[in-house]
Amino acid sequence: MTLMTLMTLMTLNDPNDPNDPNDPNDPNDPNDPNDPFQP
């Protein structure tokens, strides 16, 4: 397993990643259609 593969797997499973574009619970997601406070 290469280093990049290992890093990718670790990043995918990081629940506290502020830059995760696929995090459904991200309060700062500008593209969240369910965000009532979205401008």
PDB file of N, CA and C in Angstrom:
ATOM      1  N   MET A   1       0.851  -1.209   0.000  1.00  0.00           N
ATOM      2  CA  MET A   1       0.000   0.000   0.000  1.00  0.00           C
ATOM      3  C   MET A   1       0.882   1.254   0.000  1.00  0.00           C
ATOM      4  N   THR A   2       0.569   2.134  -0.894  1.00  0.00           N
ATOM      5  CA  THR A   2       1.388   3.336  -1.004  1.00  0.00           C
ATOM      6  C   THR A   2       1.014   4.345   0.077  1.00  0.00           C
ATOM      7  N   LEU A   3       1.873   5.316   0.259  1.00  0.00           N
ATOM      8  CA  LEU A   3       1.624   6.341   1.270  1.00  0.00           C
ATOM      9  C   LEU A   3       0.391   7.172   0.924  1.00  0.00           C
ATOM     10  N   MET A   4       0.214   7.454  -0.341  1.00  0.00           N
ATOM     11  CA  MET A   4      -0.932   8.259  -0.753  1.00  0.00           C
ATOM     12  C   MET A   4      -2.259   7.534  -0.485  1.00  0.00           C
ATOM     13  N   THR A   5      -2.250   6.242  -0.746  1.00  0.00           N
ATOM     14  CA  THR A   5      -3.460   5.456  -0.497  1.00  0.00           C
ATOM     15  C   THR A   5      -3.791   5.445   0.992  1.00  0.00           C
ATOM     16  N   LEU A   6      -2.768   5.278   1.810  1.00  0.00           N
ATOM     17  CA  LEU A   6      -2.964   5.249   3.249  1.00  0.00           C
ATOM     18  C   LEU A   6      -3.497   6.597   3.748  1.00  0.00           C
ATOM     19  N   MET A   7      -2.927   7.667   3.241  1.00  0.00           N
ATOM     20  CA  MET A   7      -3.357   8.999   3.665  1.00  0.00           C
ATOM     21  C   MET A   7      -4.794   9.285   3.222  1.00  0.00           C
ATOM     22  N   THR A   8      -5.129   8.813   2.039  1.00  0.00           N
ATOM     23  CA  THR A   8      -6.484   9.021   1.528  1.00  0.00           C
ATOM     24  C   THR A   8      -7.503   8.288   2.387  1.00  0.00           C
ATOM     25  N   LEU A   9      -7.200   7.055   2.746  1.00  0.00           N
ATOM     26  CA  LEU A   9      -8.109   6.275   3.576  1.00  0.00           C
ATOM     27  C   LEU A   9      -8.282   6.914   4.945  1.00  0.00           C
ATOM     28  N   MET A  10      -7.210   7.433   5.496  1.00  0.00           N
ATOM     29  CA  MET A  10      -7.286   8.063   6.806  1.00  0.00           C
ATOM     30  C   MET A  10      -8.105   9.354   6.729  1.00  0.00           C
ATOM     31  N   THR A  11      -7.960  10.074   5.653  1.00  0.00           N
ATOM     32  CA  THR A  11      -8.684  11.335   5.494  1.00  0.00           C
ATOM     33  C   THR A  11     -10.179  11.086   5.319  1.00  0.00           C
ATOM     34  N   LEU A  12     -10.515  10.037   4.604  1.00  0.00           N
ATOM     35  CA  LEU A  12     -11.918   9.733   4.346  1.00  0.00           C
ATOM     36  C   LEU A  12     -12.678   9.410   5.631  1.00  0.00           C
ATOM     37  N   ASN A  13     -11.954   8.865   6.602  1.00  0.00           N
ATOM     38  CA  ASN A  13     -12.614   8.427   7.823  1.00  0.00           C
ATOM     39  C   ASN A  13     -12.434   9.396   8.984  1.00  0.00           C
ATOM     40  N   ASP A  14     -12.008  10.615   8.688  1.00  0.00           N
ATOM     41  CA  ASP A  14     -11.783  11.589   9.746  1.00  0.00           C
ATOM     42  C   ASP A  14     -13.078  12.365  10.029  1.00  0.00           C
ATOM     43  N   PRO A  15     -13.709  12.122  11.168  1.00  0.00           N
ATOM     44  CA  PRO A  15     -14.993  12.780  11.458  1.00  0.00           C
ATOM     45  C   PRO A  15     -14.854  14.269  11.761  1.00  0.00           C
ATOM     46  N   ASN A  16     -13.625  14.694  12.081  1.00  0.00           N
ATOM     47  CA  ASN A  16     -13.417  16.090  12.468  1.00  0.00           C
ATOM     48  C   ASN A  16     -12.706  16.900  11.393  1.00  0.00           C
ATOM     49  N   ASP A  17     -12.759  16.419  10.172  1.00  0.00           N
ATOM     50  CA  ASP A  17     -12.089  17.120   9.088  1.00  0.00           C
ATOM     51  C   ASP A  17     -12.910  18.335   8.653  1.00  0.00           C
ATOM     52  N   PRO A  18     -12.405  19.558   8.894  1.00  0.00           N
ATOM     53  CA  PRO A  18     -13.184  20.757   8.557  1.00  0.00           C
ATOM     54  C   PRO A  18     -13.304  21.003   7.057  1.00  0.00           C
ATOM     55  N   ASN A  19     -12.451  20.317   6.289  1.00  0.00           N
ATOM     56  CA  ASN A  19     -12.453  20.537   4.846  1.00  0.00           C
ATOM     57  C   ASN A  19     -13.071  19.382   4.077  1.00  0.00           C
ATOM     58  N   ASP A  20     -13.799  18.546   4.778  1.00  0.00           N
ATOM     59  CA  ASP A  20     -14.419  17.396   4.119  1.00  0.00           C
ATOM     60  C   ASP A  20     -15.664  17.848   3.347  1.00  0.00           C
ATOM     61  N   PRO A  21     -15.633  17.774   2.014  1.00  0.00           N
ATOM     62  CA  PRO A  21     -16.768  18.257   1.215  1.00  0.00           C
ATOM     63  C   PRO A  21     -17.992  17.349   1.307  1.00  0.00           C
ATOM     64  N   ASN A  22     -17.782  16.140   1.819  1.00  0.00           N
ATOM     65  CA  ASN A  22     -18.897  15.187   1.888  1.00  0.00           C
ATOM     66  C   ASN A  22     -19.442  15.009   3.300  1.00  0.00           C
ATOM     67  N   ASP A  23     -19.086  15.930   4.180  1.00  0.00           N
ATOM     68  CA  ASP A  23     -19.549  15.833   5.555  1.00  0.00           C
ATOM     69  C   ASP A  23     -20.990  16.350   5.667  1.00  0.00           C
ATOM     70  N   PRO A  24     -21.942  15.466   5.958  1.00  0.00           N
ATOM     71  CA  PRO A  24     -23.348  15.895   6.004  1.00  0.00           C
ATOM     72  C   PRO A  24     -23.669  16.778   7.207  1.00  0.00           C
ATOM     73  N   ASN A  25     -22.778  16.781   8.187  1.00  0.00           N
ATOM     74  CA  ASN A  25     -23.037  17.552   9.401  1.00  0.00           C
ATOM     75  C   ASN A  25     -22.182  18.817   9.495  1.00  0.00           C
ATOM     76  N   ASP A  26     -21.681  19.251   8.362  1.00  0.00           N
ATOM     77  CA  ASP A  26     -20.836  20.432   8.363  1.00  0.00           C
ATOM     78  C   ASP A  26     -21.696  21.697   8.431  1.00  0.00           C
ATOM     79  N   PRO A  27     -21.631  22.445   9.552  1.00  0.00           N
ATOM     80  CA  PRO A  27     -22.492  23.630   9.701  1.00  0.00           C
ATOM     81  C   PRO A  27     -22.079  24.789   8.795  1.00  0.00           C
ATOM     82  N   ASN A  28     -20.860  24.707   8.251  1.00  0.00           N
ATOM     83  CA  ASN A  28     -20.366  25.800   7.419  1.00  0.00           C
ATOM     84  C   ASN A  28     -20.358  25.461   5.936  1.00  0.00           C
ATOM     85  N   ASP A  29     -21.138  24.456   5.572  1.00  0.00           N
ATOM     86  CA  ASP A  29     -21.171  24.048   4.175  1.00  0.00           C
ATOM     87  C   ASP A  29     -21.997  25.045   3.356  1.00  0.00           C
ATOM     88  N   PRO A  30     -21.366  25.777   2.440  1.00  0.00           N
ATOM     89  CA  PRO A  30     -22.090  26.808   1.672  1.00  0.00           C
ATOM     90  C   PRO A  30     -23.044  26.226   0.639  1.00  0.00           C
ATOM     91  N   ASN A  31     -22.895  24.928   0.373  1.00  0.00           N
ATOM     92  CA  ASN A  31     -23.732  24.299  -0.648  1.00  0.00           C
ATOM     93  C   ASN A  31     -24.800  23.387  -0.056  1.00  0.00           C
ATOM     94  N   ASP A  32     -25.047  23.544   1.237  1.00  0.00           N
ATOM     95  CA  ASP A  32     -26.020  22.688   1.895  1.00  0.00           C
ATOM     96  C   ASP A  32     -27.444  23.165   1.593  1.00  0.00           C
ATOM     97  N   PRO A  33     -28.221  22.372   0.852  1.00  0.00           N
ATOM     98  CA  PRO A  33     -29.581  22.789   0.470  1.00  0.00           C
ATOM     99  C   PRO A  33     -30.551  22.794   1.652  1.00  0.00           C
ATOM    100  N   ASN A  34     -30.153  22.138   2.740  1.00  0.00           N
ATOM    101  CA  ASN A  34     -31.036  22.056   3.902  1.00  0.00           C
ATOM    102  C   ASN A  34     -30.698  23.085   4.976  1.00  0.00           C
ATOM    103  N   ASP A  35     -29.830  24.011   4.646  1.00  0.00           N
ATOM    104  CA  ASP A  35     -29.424  25.020   5.611  1.00  0.00           C
ATOM    105  C   ASP A  35     -30.369  26.222   5.558  1.00  0.00           C
ATOM    106  N   PRO A  36     -31.167  26.409   6.604  1.00  0.00           N
ATOM    107  CA  PRO A  36     -32.159  27.500   6.581  1.00  0.00           C
ATOM    108  C   PRO A  36     -31.530  28.890   6.630  1.00  0.00           C
ATOM    109  N   PHE A  37     -30.264  28.953   7.044  1.00  0.00           N
ATOM    110  CA  PHE A  37     -29.606  30.257   7.175  1.00  0.00           C
ATOM    111  C   PHE A  37     -28.721  30.588   5.981  1.00  0.00           C
ATOM    112  N   GLN A  38     -28.869  29.785   4.949  1.00  0.00           N
ATOM    113  CA  GLN A  38     -28.032  30.031   3.769  1.00  0.00           C
ATOM    114  C   GLN A  38     -28.518  31.284   3.029  1.00  0.00           C
ATOM    115  N   PRO A  39     -27.629  32.199   2.722  1.00  0.00           N
ATOM    116  CA  PRO A  39     -28.017  33.437   2.022  1.00  0.00           C
ATOM    117  C   PRO A  39     -28.504  33.202   0.606  1.00  0.00           C
TER     118      PRO A  39
END
